[in-house]
Amino acid sequence: MTGSGEFQNRINENDEYISIGLSCIPSLGEVNKDHYDAYIENFVMAFDGRKRKGGIATASRLLTMKRPDLFVCVNDKNKRDLCKDLGCSPTTLDFDKYWSHIIEPITEAVWWQCRRPNGRNGVIWDYRSAMLDAIYYNPN
């Protein structure tokens, strides 16, 4: 994330809106669109008056770090193939569409809704959505 200089500044300066936004996402239990919308509202406010704004890649990275069971980081290295398989256009993906075009299809999938397995597979299951970044990552 060092390429996102303004984001790095927001983090280094301990921007309150980033912290408030992340606190809108429950650490455990259900996360709904209202939680997500409150996060995005605060995330956007963190960049108010700044020359550069935080985008979906940065916002989704923070969400994924907080809740890897639900969120997936979307960036230029995974967006094309991820969106293709989820049935949406990568060119129109933004804050408003991330929930409906990425999160809803993921949470409706059979593999996401299955019961948590025991043992080592359960640990992997805890990070099942975040793992999509690695699966879809294409360095080219």
Protein backbone atom coordinates (compact mmCIF):
# COMPACT_ATOMS: atom_id res chain seq x y z
CA MET A 1 0.00 0.00 0.00
CA THR A 2 3.03 2.29 -0.09
CA GLY A 3 1.97 3.43 -3.57
CA SER A 4 -1.12 4.95 -2.01
CA GLY A 5 0.67 7.92 -0.48
CA GLU A 6 -2.40 9.75 0.76
CA PHE A 7 -3.72 6.59 2.38
CA GLN A 8 -0.36 6.05 4.05
CA ASN A 9 -0.59 9.60 5.41
CA ARG A 10 -4.09 8.94 6.75
CA ILE A 11 -2.78 5.88 8.59
CA ASN A 12 0.41 7.57 9.84
CA GLU A 13 -1.66 10.48 11.17
CA ASN A 14 -4.09 8.05 12.84
CA ASP A 15 -7.03 9.53 10.98
CA GLU A 16 -10.11 9.30 13.19
CA TYR A 17 -12.45 8.60 10.28
CA ILE A 18 -10.51 5.47 9.34
CA SER A 19 -10.80 4.25 12.94
CA ILE A 20 -14.46 5.22 13.25
CA GLY A 21 -15.21 3.57 9.92
CA LEU A 22 -13.56 0.31 10.89
CA SER A 23 -15.41 0.32 14.20
CA CYS A 24 -18.67 0.28 12.21
CA ILE A 25 -17.81 -3.27 11.10
CA PRO A 26 -18.51 -5.80 13.87
CA SER A 27 -15.53 -8.00 14.72
CA LEU A 28 -17.82 -11.02 15.11
CA GLY A 29 -21.24 -11.98 13.88
CA GLU A 30 -23.31 -10.68 11.03
CA VAL A 31 -22.19 -7.73 8.95
CA ASN A 32 -24.92 -6.05 6.91
CA LYS A 33 -25.04 -3.34 4.29
CA ASP A 34 -25.77 -0.66 6.89
CA HIS A 35 -22.48 -1.53 8.61
CA TYR A 36 -20.69 -1.38 5.27
CA ASP A 37 -22.31 1.93 4.29
CA ALA A 38 -21.30 3.50 7.62
CA TYR A 39 -17.73 2.31 7.06
CA ILE A 40 -17.62 3.76 3.54
CA GLU A 41 -19.09 7.07 4.68
CA ASN A 42 -16.29 7.45 7.23
CA PHE A 43 -13.62 6.14 4.87
CA VAL A 44 -14.57 8.79 2.30
CA MET A 45 -14.54 11.49 4.99
CA ALA A 46 -10.93 10.57 5.82
CA PHE A 47 -9.97 11.92 2.40
CA ASP A 48 -12.15 15.03 2.48
CA GLY A 49 -10.20 18.03 1.21
CA ARG A 50 -7.32 15.85 0.04
CA LYS A 51 -5.97 15.96 -3.48
CA ARG A 52 -6.06 12.17 -3.81
CA LYS A 53 -8.93 9.99 -2.59
CA GLY A 54 -8.98 6.47 -1.24
CA GLY A 55 -10.48 3.98 -3.65
CA ILE A 56 -12.09 0.58 -3.56
CA ALA A 57 -8.72 -1.22 -3.44
CA THR A 58 -7.68 0.56 -0.25
CA ALA A 59 -11.13 0.43 1.35
CA SER A 60 -11.55 -3.28 0.62
CA ARG A 61 -8.03 -4.05 1.90
CA LEU A 62 -8.92 -2.60 5.32
CA LEU A 63 -12.25 -4.44 5.37
CA THR A 64 -10.51 -7.70 4.52
CA MET A 65 -7.98 -7.26 7.30
CA LYS A 66 -10.83 -6.73 9.78
CA ARG A 67 -13.14 -9.49 8.52
CA PRO A 68 -11.34 -11.98 6.22
CA ASP A 69 -14.33 -14.33 6.53
CA LEU A 70 -16.51 -11.89 4.60
CA PHE A 71 -14.50 -9.36 2.61
CA VAL A 72 -12.05 -9.70 -0.25
CA CYS A 73 -9.58 -7.10 -1.37
CA VAL A 74 -10.34 -6.00 -4.92
CA ASN A 75 -7.52 -4.45 -6.91
CA ASP A 76 -6.09 -4.27 -10.42
CA LYS A 77 -4.38 -7.65 -10.00
CA ASN A 78 -7.54 -9.64 -9.26
CA LYS A 79 -10.51 -7.52 -10.28
CA ARG A 80 -10.93 -8.66 -13.88
CA ASP A 81 -11.20 -12.40 -13.21
CA LEU A 82 -12.99 -12.06 -9.86
CA CYS A 83 -15.65 -9.83 -11.39
CA LYS A 84 -15.98 -12.12 -14.40
CA ASP A 85 -16.73 -15.11 -12.19
CA LEU A 86 -19.12 -13.09 -9.99
CA GLY A 87 -20.95 -11.78 -13.05
CA CYS A 88 -20.16 -8.07 -12.82
CA SER A 89 -18.14 -5.54 -14.77
CA PRO A 90 -14.73 -4.68 -13.34
CA THR A 91 -14.82 -1.24 -14.96
CA THR A 92 -17.88 -0.11 -13.01
CA LEU A 93 -16.93 -1.51 -9.60
CA ASP A 94 -16.98 1.22 -6.95
CA PHE A 95 -17.99 1.73 -3.31
CA ASP A 96 -21.71 1.54 -4.16
CA LYS A 97 -21.43 -1.69 -6.14
CA TYR A 98 -18.89 -3.55 -4.00
CA TRP A 99 -21.55 -4.86 -1.61
CA SER A 100 -24.09 -5.92 -4.24
CA HIS A 101 -21.64 -7.14 -6.88
CA ILE A 102 -18.95 -8.74 -4.70
CA ILE A 103 -20.17 -9.43 -1.16
CA GLU A 104 -23.72 -10.60 -1.91
CA PRO A 105 -22.71 -13.16 -4.56
CA ILE A 106 -19.93 -14.47 -2.32
CA THR A 107 -22.22 -14.89 0.69
CA GLU A 108 -24.87 -16.59 -1.43
CA ALA A 109 -22.40 -19.22 -2.65
CA VAL A 110 -22.73 -22.76 -1.29
CA TRP A 111 -19.04 -22.87 -0.31
CA TRP A 112 -19.43 -19.72 1.80
CA GLN A 113 -22.59 -20.88 3.58
CA CYS A 114 -21.35 -24.32 4.56
CA ARG A 115 -20.75 -25.18 8.20
CA ARG A 116 -17.30 -24.43 9.62
CA PRO A 117 -15.14 -27.56 9.52
CA ASN A 118 -13.04 -28.72 12.47
CA GLY A 119 -9.29 -28.56 12.79
CA ARG A 120 -6.93 -26.96 10.30
CA ASN A 121 -9.63 -26.69 7.64
CA GLY A 122 -11.61 -24.53 10.06
CA VAL A 123 -8.78 -22.01 10.19
CA ILE A 124 -8.79 -21.83 6.40
CA TRP A 125 -12.58 -21.45 6.45
CA ASP A 126 -12.20 -18.43 8.76
CA TYR A 127 -10.36 -16.65 5.93
CA ARG A 128 -12.38 -18.01 3.04
CA SER A 129 -13.38 -14.72 1.41
CA ALA A 130 -9.96 -13.10 1.79
CA MET A 131 -8.41 -16.16 0.15
CA LEU A 132 -10.15 -15.20 -3.10
CA ASP A 133 -7.53 -12.48 -3.52
CA ALA A 134 -4.81 -15.13 -3.74
CA ILE A 135 -6.91 -17.37 -5.97
CA TYR A 136 -7.70 -14.61 -8.45
CA TYR A 137 -4.41 -12.70 -8.21
CA ASN A 138 -2.80 -12.29 -11.63
CA PRO A 139 0.52 -10.39 -11.65
CA ASN A 140 0.17 -9.66 -15.37
